[in-house]
Amino acid sequence: MTRSREITRLIPFAIAAVILFMYISSVSAQPGTDADPVISLSYLESALSYSPVVLEGGEDLDIACGSPVILVTGNCFIMPGTDDCHIIDLTDGDVMDESASMDPGHLYVVISTDDESTFTVRSIQSSTIAITGGSGR
């Protein structure tokens, strides 16, 4: 058997090994934990001028409509303040349900026809969110 033919026979196995390695790497990654957040707070603070806010489990934070919000770590729900508020997940481009679970690293904004409206972020567990604009704190 010639050397080029041996190499040709090994190519499918090499490709399968690379694909298997990439699959295992992607499945085992767990972004959004406290140790490995999807977005680092230092990046948000310096590049985007976001302010980090730490919420304890069960704590609510009222935020002015139009203020962008990102869940950095933890588990939170976002709830509109009035019927004319609409939650938009700018990362996915989706309009969310009346009350929605936030995904880590996603950028959310709540819009309203009323300039005075607010929305609430409710923490299920200790969480860090990044916001701009007016918060209830």
N, C-alpha and C. Protein backbone atom coordinates (compact mmCIF):
# COMPACT_ATOMS: atom_id res chain seq x y z
N MET A 1 0.85 -1.18 0.00
CA MET A 1 0.00 0.00 0.00
C MET A 1 0.90 1.24 0.00
N THR A 2 0.56 2.22 -0.81
CA THR A 2 1.39 3.42 -0.90
C THR A 2 1.08 4.37 0.24
N ARG A 3 2.04 5.23 0.46
CA ARG A 3 1.91 6.19 1.58
C ARG A 3 0.71 7.12 1.39
N SER A 4 0.45 7.58 0.19
CA SER A 4 -0.68 8.49 -0.04
C SER A 4 -2.01 7.78 0.19
N ARG A 5 -2.05 6.50 -0.11
CA ARG A 5 -3.29 5.76 0.13
C ARG A 5 -3.53 5.56 1.62
N GLU A 6 -2.48 5.36 2.41
CA GLU A 6 -2.61 5.24 3.87
C GLU A 6 -3.13 6.53 4.47
N ILE A 7 -2.60 7.65 4.00
CA ILE A 7 -3.05 8.95 4.50
C ILE A 7 -4.50 9.18 4.14
N THR A 8 -4.88 8.81 2.93
CA THR A 8 -6.26 8.97 2.48
C THR A 8 -7.23 8.17 3.34
N ARG A 9 -6.81 6.99 3.78
CA ARG A 9 -7.68 6.16 4.62
C ARG A 9 -7.82 6.73 6.03
N LEU A 10 -6.85 7.52 6.50
CA LEU A 10 -6.88 8.09 7.84
C LEU A 10 -7.69 9.39 7.92
N ILE A 11 -7.90 10.04 6.80
CA ILE A 11 -8.60 11.33 6.79
C ILE A 11 -10.00 11.23 7.41
N PRO A 12 -10.85 10.26 7.06
CA PRO A 12 -12.19 10.20 7.69
C PRO A 12 -12.12 10.04 9.21
N PHE A 13 -11.14 9.28 9.71
CA PHE A 13 -11.01 9.10 11.16
C PHE A 13 -10.56 10.40 11.83
N ALA A 14 -9.69 11.14 11.18
CA ALA A 14 -9.23 12.42 11.72
C ALA A 14 -10.39 13.42 11.77
N ILE A 15 -11.18 13.45 10.70
CA ILE A 15 -12.33 14.36 10.67
C ILE A 15 -13.34 13.98 11.76
N ALA A 16 -13.59 12.69 11.92
CA ALA A 16 -14.53 12.24 12.97
C ALA A 16 -14.01 12.60 14.35
N ALA A 17 -12.71 12.48 14.58
CA ALA A 17 -12.13 12.82 15.88
C ALA A 17 -12.27 14.32 16.16
N VAL A 18 -12.05 15.17 15.16
CA VAL A 18 -12.19 16.61 15.33
C VAL A 18 -13.65 16.98 15.63
N ILE A 19 -14.58 16.39 14.90
CA ILE A 19 -16.00 16.67 15.14
C ILE A 19 -16.42 16.21 16.53
N LEU A 20 -15.97 15.05 16.95
CA LEU A 20 -16.28 14.55 18.29
C LEU A 20 -15.72 15.47 19.35
N PHE A 21 -14.50 15.93 19.19
CA PHE A 21 -13.87 16.85 20.15
C PHE A 21 -14.66 18.15 20.23
N MET A 22 -15.07 18.72 19.08
CA MET A 22 -15.83 19.96 19.07
C MET A 22 -17.19 19.78 19.74
N TYR A 23 -17.84 18.66 19.52
CA TYR A 23 -19.13 18.39 20.13
C TYR A 23 -19.01 18.28 21.65
N ILE A 24 -18.03 17.51 22.10
CA ILE A 24 -17.84 17.35 23.54
C ILE A 24 -17.50 18.68 24.20
N SER A 25 -16.69 19.49 23.54
CA SER A 25 -16.33 20.80 24.09
C SER A 25 -17.55 21.70 24.20
N SER A 26 -18.41 21.69 23.21
CA SER A 26 -19.58 22.57 23.24
C SER A 26 -20.62 22.10 24.25
N VAL A 27 -20.78 20.79 24.42
CA VAL A 27 -21.76 20.26 25.36
C VAL A 27 -21.32 20.47 26.80
N SER A 28 -20.04 20.37 27.06
CA SER A 28 -19.55 20.47 28.43
C SER A 28 -19.42 21.90 28.91
N ALA A 29 -19.47 22.89 28.03
CA ALA A 29 -19.35 24.28 28.44
C ALA A 29 -20.63 24.73 29.14
N GLN A 30 -20.51 25.40 30.27
CA GLN A 30 -21.64 25.90 31.04
C GLN A 30 -21.48 27.40 31.25
N PRO A 31 -21.80 28.23 30.26
CA PRO A 31 -21.65 29.67 30.43
C PRO A 31 -22.69 30.22 31.40
N GLY A 32 -22.37 31.34 31.97
CA GLY A 32 -23.33 32.02 32.81
C GLY A 32 -23.26 31.66 34.28
N THR A 33 -22.23 30.93 34.71
CA THR A 33 -22.09 30.62 36.12
C THR A 33 -21.36 31.77 36.82
N ASP A 34 -21.35 31.76 38.14
CA ASP A 34 -20.62 32.79 38.87
C ASP A 34 -19.13 32.77 38.54
N ALA A 35 -18.58 31.58 38.33
CA ALA A 35 -17.16 31.46 38.04
C ALA A 35 -16.83 31.82 36.59
N ASP A 36 -17.79 31.64 35.68
CA ASP A 36 -17.55 31.89 34.26
C ASP A 36 -18.78 32.56 33.66
N PRO A 37 -18.98 33.86 33.94
CA PRO A 37 -20.16 34.53 33.41
C PRO A 37 -20.08 34.69 31.90
N VAL A 38 -21.23 34.77 31.28
CA VAL A 38 -21.29 34.97 29.84
C VAL A 38 -20.65 36.32 29.49
N ILE A 39 -20.92 37.33 30.30
CA ILE A 39 -20.38 38.65 30.10
C ILE A 39 -19.70 39.07 31.39
N SER A 40 -18.47 39.53 31.30
CA SER A 40 -17.77 39.93 32.52
C SER A 40 -18.24 41.32 32.94
N LEU A 41 -18.33 41.52 34.24
CA LEU A 41 -18.76 42.82 34.77
C LEU A 41 -17.78 43.92 34.38
N SER A 42 -16.49 43.62 34.38
CA SER A 42 -15.51 44.64 34.04
C SER A 42 -15.72 45.14 32.61
N TYR A 43 -16.07 44.22 31.69
CA TYR A 43 -16.35 44.63 30.32
C TYR A 43 -17.58 45.53 30.26
N LEU A 44 -18.64 45.13 30.96
CA LEU A 44 -19.85 45.94 30.95
C LEU A 44 -19.61 47.32 31.55
N GLU A 45 -18.87 47.36 32.65
CA GLU A 45 -18.63 48.63 33.33
C GLU A 45 -17.80 49.57 32.48
N SER A 46 -16.75 49.04 31.83
CA SER A 46 -15.86 49.92 31.09
C SER A 46 -16.35 50.22 29.68
N ALA A 47 -16.75 49.22 28.95
CA ALA A 47 -17.09 49.40 27.54
C ALA A 47 -18.49 49.95 27.32
N LEU A 48 -19.43 49.55 28.11
CA LEU A 48 -20.82 49.91 27.86
C LEU A 48 -21.41 50.84 28.91
N SER A 49 -20.67 51.17 29.94
CA SER A 49 -21.13 52.03 31.03
C SER A 49 -22.38 51.48 31.71
N TYR A 50 -22.47 50.18 31.83
CA TYR A 50 -23.55 49.56 32.58
C TYR A 50 -23.18 49.53 34.05
N SER A 51 -24.19 49.60 34.91
CA SER A 51 -23.96 49.51 36.34
C SER A 51 -24.42 48.15 36.84
N PRO A 52 -23.55 47.41 37.53
CA PRO A 52 -23.97 46.12 38.06
C PRO A 52 -24.83 46.30 39.31
N VAL A 53 -25.86 45.48 39.43
CA VAL A 53 -26.74 45.49 40.60
C VAL A 53 -26.88 44.04 41.06
N VAL A 54 -26.59 43.80 42.33
CA VAL A 54 -26.72 42.46 42.89
C VAL A 54 -28.07 42.37 43.61
N LEU A 55 -28.84 41.35 43.25
CA LEU A 55 -30.14 41.11 43.87
C LEU A 55 -30.09 39.79 44.63
N GLU A 56 -30.62 39.79 45.82
CA GLU A 56 -30.73 38.55 46.59
C GLU A 56 -31.97 37.80 46.13
N GLY A 57 -32.04 36.52 46.43
CA GLY A 57 -33.20 35.72 46.04
C GLY A 57 -34.50 36.31 46.55
N GLY A 58 -35.50 36.45 45.69
CA GLY A 58 -36.79 37.00 46.06
C GLY A 58 -36.86 38.52 46.04
N GLU A 59 -35.75 39.18 45.75
CA GLU A 59 -35.73 40.65 45.72
C GLU A 59 -36.23 41.18 44.38
N ASP A 60 -36.96 42.30 44.42
CA ASP A 60 -37.46 42.96 43.22
C ASP A 60 -36.71 44.26 42.99
N LEU A 61 -36.58 44.63 41.72
CA LEU A 61 -35.98 45.91 41.36
C LEU A 61 -36.85 46.55 40.29
N ASP A 62 -37.37 47.75 40.56
CA ASP A 62 -38.16 48.48 39.58
C ASP A 62 -37.22 49.33 38.73
N ILE A 63 -37.43 49.27 37.40
CA ILE A 63 -36.54 49.94 36.46
C ILE A 63 -37.40 50.72 35.47
N ALA A 64 -36.94 51.90 35.08
CA ALA A 64 -37.68 52.73 34.13
C ALA A 64 -37.71 52.05 32.76
N CYS A 65 -38.89 52.08 32.11
CA CYS A 65 -39.01 51.51 30.77
C CYS A 65 -38.02 52.21 29.84
N GLY A 66 -37.47 51.43 28.93
CA GLY A 66 -36.48 51.94 28.00
C GLY A 66 -35.06 51.69 28.45
N SER A 67 -34.87 51.31 29.72
CA SER A 67 -33.52 51.04 30.23
C SER A 67 -33.10 49.63 29.83
N PRO A 68 -31.96 49.49 29.15
CA PRO A 68 -31.47 48.15 28.81
C PRO A 68 -31.04 47.38 30.05
N VAL A 69 -31.32 46.08 30.07
CA VAL A 69 -30.98 45.21 31.20
C VAL A 69 -30.36 43.93 30.67
N ILE A 70 -29.28 43.48 31.33
CA ILE A 70 -28.64 42.21 30.99
C ILE A 70 -28.50 41.39 32.27
N LEU A 71 -28.90 40.12 32.22
CA LEU A 71 -28.66 39.20 33.33
C LEU A 71 -27.24 38.69 33.19
N VAL A 72 -26.39 38.98 34.17
CA VAL A 72 -25.00 38.55 34.12
C VAL A 72 -24.87 37.16 34.75
N THR A 73 -25.38 37.00 35.96
CA THR A 73 -25.38 35.69 36.63
C THR A 73 -26.68 35.53 37.40
N GLY A 74 -27.04 34.30 37.68
CA GLY A 74 -28.22 34.04 38.50
C GLY A 74 -29.44 33.66 37.68
N ASN A 75 -30.60 33.92 38.29
CA ASN A 75 -31.88 33.51 37.69
C ASN A 75 -32.91 34.57 38.04
N CYS A 76 -33.44 35.26 37.01
CA CYS A 76 -34.40 36.34 37.23
C CYS A 76 -35.56 36.24 36.24
N PHE A 77 -36.68 36.85 36.64
CA PHE A 77 -37.82 37.06 35.77
C PHE A 77 -37.93 38.54 35.49
N ILE A 78 -38.42 38.88 34.32
CA ILE A 78 -38.68 40.27 33.98
C ILE A 78 -40.19 40.40 33.79
N MET A 79 -40.78 41.42 34.45
CA MET A 79 -42.23 41.58 34.44
C MET A 79 -42.59 43.02 34.07
N PRO A 80 -43.47 43.20 33.09
CA PRO A 80 -43.89 44.56 32.73
C PRO A 80 -44.73 45.17 33.83
N GLY A 81 -44.66 46.49 33.94
CA GLY A 81 -45.41 47.17 34.99
C GLY A 81 -46.87 47.40 34.65
N THR A 82 -47.17 47.60 33.37
CA THR A 82 -48.55 47.87 32.95
C THR A 82 -48.85 47.08 31.69
N ASP A 83 -50.12 47.12 31.26
CA ASP A 83 -50.53 46.39 30.06
C ASP A 83 -49.90 46.92 28.79
N ASP A 84 -49.50 48.21 28.79
CA ASP A 84 -48.93 48.78 27.57
C ASP A 84 -47.41 48.58 27.47
N CYS A 85 -46.83 47.82 28.39
CA CYS A 85 -45.40 47.52 28.35
C CYS A 85 -45.16 46.23 27.56
N HIS A 86 -44.08 46.22 26.79
CA HIS A 86 -43.71 45.06 26.00
C HIS A 86 -42.24 44.75 26.22
N ILE A 87 -41.94 43.49 26.57
CA ILE A 87 -40.57 43.05 26.82
C ILE A 87 -39.97 42.58 25.49
N ILE A 88 -38.80 43.11 25.15
CA ILE A 88 -38.12 42.70 23.92
C ILE A 88 -36.75 42.14 24.28
N ASP A 89 -36.49 40.93 23.81
CA ASP A 89 -35.18 40.31 23.93
C ASP A 89 -34.41 40.72 22.68
N LEU A 90 -33.55 41.73 22.81
CA LEU A 90 -32.83 42.24 21.66
C LEU A 90 -31.80 41.26 21.13
N THR A 91 -31.34 40.34 21.97
CA THR A 91 -30.36 39.34 21.53
C THR A 91 -30.99 38.39 20.52
N ASP A 92 -32.19 37.90 20.81
CA ASP A 92 -32.89 36.98 19.91
C ASP A 92 -33.85 37.69 18.96
N GLY A 93 -34.19 38.94 19.27
CA GLY A 93 -35.16 39.66 18.46
C GLY A 93 -36.59 39.24 18.72
N ASP A 94 -36.87 38.72 19.91
CA ASP A 94 -38.20 38.22 20.25
C ASP A 94 -38.94 39.19 21.16
N VAL A 95 -40.26 39.26 20.97
CA VAL A 95 -41.13 39.93 21.93
C VAL A 95 -41.56 38.86 22.92
N MET A 96 -41.30 39.10 24.19
CA MET A 96 -41.51 38.08 25.22
C MET A 96 -42.94 38.10 25.73
N ASP A 97 -43.28 37.03 26.46
CA ASP A 97 -44.59 36.94 27.10
C ASP A 97 -44.73 38.02 28.16
N GLU A 98 -45.89 38.06 28.77
CA GLU A 98 -46.19 39.05 29.79
C GLU A 98 -45.14 39.06 30.89
N SER A 99 -44.71 37.91 31.31
CA SER A 99 -43.65 37.76 32.31
C SER A 99 -42.72 36.69 31.76
N ALA A 100 -41.42 36.94 31.80
CA ALA A 100 -40.51 36.02 31.13
C ALA A 100 -39.25 35.79 31.96
N SER A 101 -38.74 34.57 31.87
CA SER A 101 -37.46 34.24 32.49
C SER A 101 -36.34 34.85 31.64
N MET A 102 -35.35 35.44 32.29
CA MET A 102 -34.25 36.08 31.57
C MET A 102 -33.14 35.06 31.31
N ASP A 103 -32.56 35.10 30.13
CA ASP A 103 -31.42 34.26 29.79
C ASP A 103 -30.13 35.03 30.04
N PRO A 104 -29.12 34.39 30.64
CA PRO A 104 -27.84 35.08 30.89
C PRO A 104 -27.23 35.59 29.59
N GLY A 105 -26.74 36.82 29.64
CA GLY A 105 -26.07 37.41 28.49
C GLY A 105 -26.99 38.04 27.46
N HIS A 106 -28.31 37.92 27.65
CA HIS A 106 -29.25 38.52 26.69
C HIS A 106 -29.55 39.96 27.09
N LEU A 107 -29.70 40.80 26.09
CA LEU A 107 -30.02 42.21 26.31
C LEU A 107 -31.53 42.38 26.17
N TYR A 108 -32.15 42.89 27.24
CA TYR A 108 -33.59 43.10 27.27
C TYR A 108 -33.88 44.60 27.39
N VAL A 109 -34.99 45.00 26.80
CA VAL A 109 -35.50 46.35 27.00
C VAL A 109 -37.02 46.24 27.04
N VAL A 110 -37.63 47.03 27.90
CA VAL A 110 -39.08 47.06 27.99
C VAL A 110 -39.53 48.42 27.46
N ILE A 111 -40.41 48.37 26.48
CA ILE A 111 -40.91 49.61 25.89
C ILE A 111 -42.35 49.83 26.30
N SER A 112 -42.74 51.09 26.29
CA SER A 112 -44.10 51.45 26.70
C SER A 112 -44.50 52.74 26.01
N THR A 113 -45.80 52.93 25.84
CA THR A 113 -46.29 54.20 25.30
C THR A 113 -46.33 55.27 26.37
N ASP A 114 -46.24 54.86 27.63
CA ASP A 114 -46.26 55.79 28.76
C ASP A 114 -44.83 56.03 29.23
N ASP A 115 -44.37 57.28 29.17
CA ASP A 115 -42.99 57.60 29.55
C ASP A 115 -42.69 57.35 31.02
N GLU A 116 -43.70 57.26 31.86
CA GLU A 116 -43.50 57.08 33.30
C GLU A 116 -43.54 55.62 33.74
N SER A 117 -43.76 54.71 32.82
CA SER A 117 -43.91 53.30 33.18
C SER A 117 -42.59 52.70 33.66
N THR A 118 -42.74 51.69 34.51
CA THR A 118 -41.58 50.94 34.99
C THR A 118 -41.86 49.45 34.78
N PHE A 119 -40.81 48.67 34.88
CA PHE A 119 -40.94 47.22 34.88
C PHE A 119 -40.14 46.68 36.04
N THR A 120 -40.37 45.42 36.37
CA THR A 120 -39.75 44.81 37.55
C THR A 120 -38.89 43.63 37.14
N VAL A 121 -37.70 43.56 37.72
CA VAL A 121 -36.87 42.36 37.62
C VAL A 121 -36.93 41.69 38.98
N ARG A 122 -37.39 40.42 39.01
CA ARG A 122 -37.50 39.66 40.25
C ARG A 122 -36.44 38.56 40.24
N SER A 123 -35.61 38.56 41.28
CA SER A 123 -34.55 37.57 41.41
C SER A 123 -35.08 36.29 42.05
N ILE A 124 -34.80 35.15 41.43
CA ILE A 124 -35.18 33.86 41.98
C ILE A 124 -34.10 33.36 42.93
N GLN A 125 -32.86 33.67 42.61
CA GLN A 125 -31.71 33.35 43.46
C GLN A 125 -30.78 34.54 43.39
N SER A 126 -29.71 34.53 44.17
CA SER A 126 -28.75 35.63 44.13
C SER A 126 -28.30 35.83 42.68
N SER A 127 -28.47 37.06 42.19
CA SER A 127 -28.22 37.34 40.78
C SER A 127 -27.54 38.69 40.62
N THR A 128 -26.86 38.84 39.51
CA THR A 128 -26.27 40.12 39.14
C THR A 128 -26.85 40.53 37.79
N ILE A 129 -27.39 41.75 37.75
CA ILE A 129 -27.87 42.28 36.48
C ILE A 129 -27.07 43.54 36.20
N ALA A 130 -27.03 43.92 34.93
CA ALA A 130 -26.37 45.16 34.53
C ALA A 130 -27.43 46.03 33.88
N ILE A 131 -27.51 47.29 34.33
CA ILE A 131 -28.53 48.20 33.80
C ILE A 131 -27.92 49.54 33.47
N THR A 132 -28.61 50.28 32.60
CA THR A 132 -28.35 51.71 32.41
C THR A 132 -29.66 52.41 32.69
N GLY A 133 -29.59 53.68 32.92
CA GLY A 133 -30.83 54.43 33.15
C GLY A 133 -31.29 54.34 34.58
N GLY A 134 -32.58 54.57 34.77
CA GLY A 134 -33.12 54.71 36.11
C GLY A 134 -33.56 53.41 36.73
N SER A 135 -33.06 53.14 37.91
CA SER A 135 -33.54 51.98 38.66
C SER A 135 -34.19 52.47 39.95
N GLY A 136 -34.88 51.57 40.61
CA GLY A 136 -35.57 51.92 41.83
C GLY A 136 -34.65 52.01 43.05
N ARG A 137 -33.36 51.95 42.85
CA ARG A 137 -32.42 52.04 43.98
C ARG A 137 -31.82 53.39 44.09
